[in-house]
Structures are given as C-alpha cells and as structure tokens.
Amino acid sequence: MALLWFERSRDTWIDWNIKEGRVADWPTVTKKNMASKHLRESLEITKFHSNVMPVEHARGLFKLSEALLQDPYDSEEARGFRDEPELYLLRRDQKAVKFGREEDYDQWVPIFWR
C-alpha cells in the first residue's frame, strides 16, 4: 500500500512538473523535503534550549535558510530566516562580524550538534 501511494505521489509530481515546464528530479525533491523537515524538527528542539544553546539554534536557522534558498519558491521564507541567526550568534560572541558561512557558527557548536 505504501508503495502504491509513493508511486502515485511521484507520478503526480512528474505530471505537474511537465505541465508547468519545470525539470525537477523526483529524488532531488524528496531529499530537499526530507532535509527541510529534519532541520525544522531540530529547530523545535534547539528553540526550546535557545537560552542555553543560542549558537546551536542559530546554526539550525542558518542551515534551513541555506536549504530553502535552493528552491526559488521558498526564497522569501529563507530570507526571513537569515536575520535571526545573527542575533543568536551575537549572544554568544559580541565581536562576531561574519554571519554568511557555516564555519562562522561551527566554531561555537560542539561536534555532536552538527
């Protein structure tokens, strides 16, 4: 039954893409959606602890904005996530001036949170 629903979903996606004149690959779309879902779920956890772990939450927001920027339909939402990580990073490091790379957050995030 799950396979049937998966195949219907895939076929619907492909038909819609052809009708719209777009060429997005089904596995690529699935991976992007799963990555976005995973990042959103991790943000729920880090948001709860954002007072203690501000940079972990900031890194999650940054990564979600990076993922959303890959899709032109989500770029407006991605821009909304761009300013918030800077505020969280500044809580941890008041002298921070760079916010546009993953490495700017990684130096403050333990390896098991990456």
Protein backbone atom coordinates (compact mmCIF):
# COMPACT_ATOMS: atom_id res chain seq x y z
CA MET A 1 0.00 0.00 0.00
CA ALA A 2 2.81 2.42 0.88
CA LEU A 3 4.49 1.67 -2.43
CA LEU A 4 1.27 2.45 -4.26
CA TRP A 5 0.95 5.84 -2.52
CA PHE A 6 4.60 6.59 -3.21
CA GLU A 7 4.21 5.79 -6.91
CA ARG A 8 1.05 7.90 -7.17
CA SER A 9 2.78 10.78 -5.47
CA ARG A 10 5.79 10.50 -7.75
CA ASP A 11 3.65 10.28 -10.88
CA THR A 12 1.56 13.27 -9.82
CA TRP A 13 4.73 15.27 -9.19
CA ILE A 14 6.17 14.37 -12.59
CA ASP A 15 2.90 15.19 -14.39
CA TRP A 16 2.68 18.55 -12.62
CA ASN A 17 6.30 19.37 -13.47
CA ILE A 18 5.77 18.58 -17.13
CA LYS A 19 2.62 20.71 -17.20
CA GLU A 20 4.46 23.63 -15.52
CA GLY A 21 7.51 23.22 -17.77
CA ARG A 22 9.89 22.55 -14.89
CA VAL A 23 12.52 19.85 -14.70
CA ALA A 24 12.97 18.89 -11.06
CA ASP A 25 14.08 15.36 -10.41
CA TRP A 26 11.85 13.33 -8.05
CA PRO A 27 14.71 12.04 -5.82
CA THR A 28 16.10 15.57 -5.57
CA VAL A 29 12.75 16.93 -4.46
CA THR A 30 12.33 14.14 -1.92
CA LYS A 31 15.80 14.77 -0.46
CA LYS A 32 15.18 18.50 -0.19
CA ASN A 33 11.84 17.96 1.51
CA MET A 34 13.33 15.49 3.97
CA ALA A 35 16.25 17.80 4.74
CA SER A 36 13.88 20.69 5.32
CA LYS A 37 11.69 18.54 7.57
CA HIS A 38 14.71 17.35 9.57
CA LEU A 39 16.01 20.90 10.02
CA ARG A 40 12.60 22.18 11.11
CA GLU A 41 12.30 19.38 13.68
CA SER A 42 15.77 20.09 15.04
CA LEU A 43 14.86 23.78 15.32
CA GLU A 44 11.95 22.84 17.58
CA ILE A 45 14.42 21.21 19.97
CA THR A 46 17.06 23.93 19.84
CA LYS A 47 14.47 26.70 20.14
CA PHE A 48 13.38 25.23 23.47
CA HIS A 49 17.01 25.43 24.68
CA SER A 50 17.98 28.62 22.83
CA ASN A 51 18.76 30.49 26.06
CA VAL A 52 21.43 27.94 26.94
CA MET A 53 22.45 26.97 23.38
CA PRO A 54 21.97 30.07 21.22
CA VAL A 55 24.52 29.18 18.56
CA GLU A 56 23.16 25.68 18.04
CA HIS A 57 19.78 27.24 17.28
CA ALA A 58 21.41 29.89 15.09
CA ARG A 59 23.25 27.25 13.08
CA GLY A 60 19.99 25.36 12.50
CA LEU A 61 18.29 28.53 11.29
CA PHE A 62 21.23 29.27 9.01
CA LYS A 63 21.22 25.75 7.54
CA LEU A 64 17.46 25.89 6.95
CA SER A 65 17.78 29.22 5.17
CA GLU A 66 20.57 27.76 3.02
CA ALA A 67 18.38 24.78 2.12
CA LEU A 68 15.37 26.95 1.33
CA LEU A 69 17.41 29.29 -0.87
CA GLN A 70 17.98 26.41 -3.30
CA ASP A 71 14.30 26.50 -4.25
CA PRO A 72 13.11 29.74 -5.86
CA TYR A 73 9.62 29.22 -4.41
CA ASP A 74 10.95 29.23 -0.82
CA SER A 75 13.38 32.13 -1.17
CA GLU A 76 11.10 34.60 0.64
CA GLU A 77 10.86 32.30 3.66
CA ALA A 78 14.62 31.73 3.51
CA ARG A 79 15.31 35.45 3.68
CA GLY A 80 13.16 35.58 6.80
CA PHE A 81 15.45 33.04 8.45
CA ARG A 82 18.62 34.97 7.54
CA ASP A 83 18.48 37.73 10.18
CA GLU A 84 17.55 35.64 13.20
CA PRO A 85 20.77 33.53 13.32
CA GLU A 86 22.86 36.69 13.52
CA LEU A 87 21.09 37.75 16.71
CA TYR A 88 21.67 34.36 18.32
CA LEU A 89 25.33 34.31 17.31
CA LEU A 90 25.82 37.77 18.77
CA ARG A 91 24.51 36.47 22.11
CA ARG A 92 27.48 34.10 22.22
CA ASP A 93 30.11 36.27 20.53
CA GLN A 94 29.53 40.02 20.69
CA LYS A 95 32.53 40.64 18.42
CA ALA A 96 31.21 38.50 15.57
CA VAL A 97 31.10 40.29 12.23
CA LYS A 98 30.71 37.41 9.74
CA PHE A 99 27.41 35.57 9.54
CA GLY A 100 27.17 34.24 5.99
CA ARG A 101 29.09 30.97 6.24
CA GLU A 102 28.58 27.73 8.12
CA GLU A 103 32.09 27.99 9.59
CA ASP A 104 31.11 31.19 11.41
CA TYR A 105 28.74 29.13 13.55
CA ASP A 106 30.71 25.86 13.69
CA GLN A 107 33.45 27.21 15.93
CA TRP A 108 30.89 27.62 18.74
CA VAL A 109 28.88 24.43 18.17
CA PRO A 110 30.06 21.11 19.65
CA ILE A 111 30.69 18.43 17.05
CA PHE A 112 27.79 16.25 18.25
CA TRP A 113 25.31 19.04 17.39
CA ARG A 114 26.45 19.37 13.78
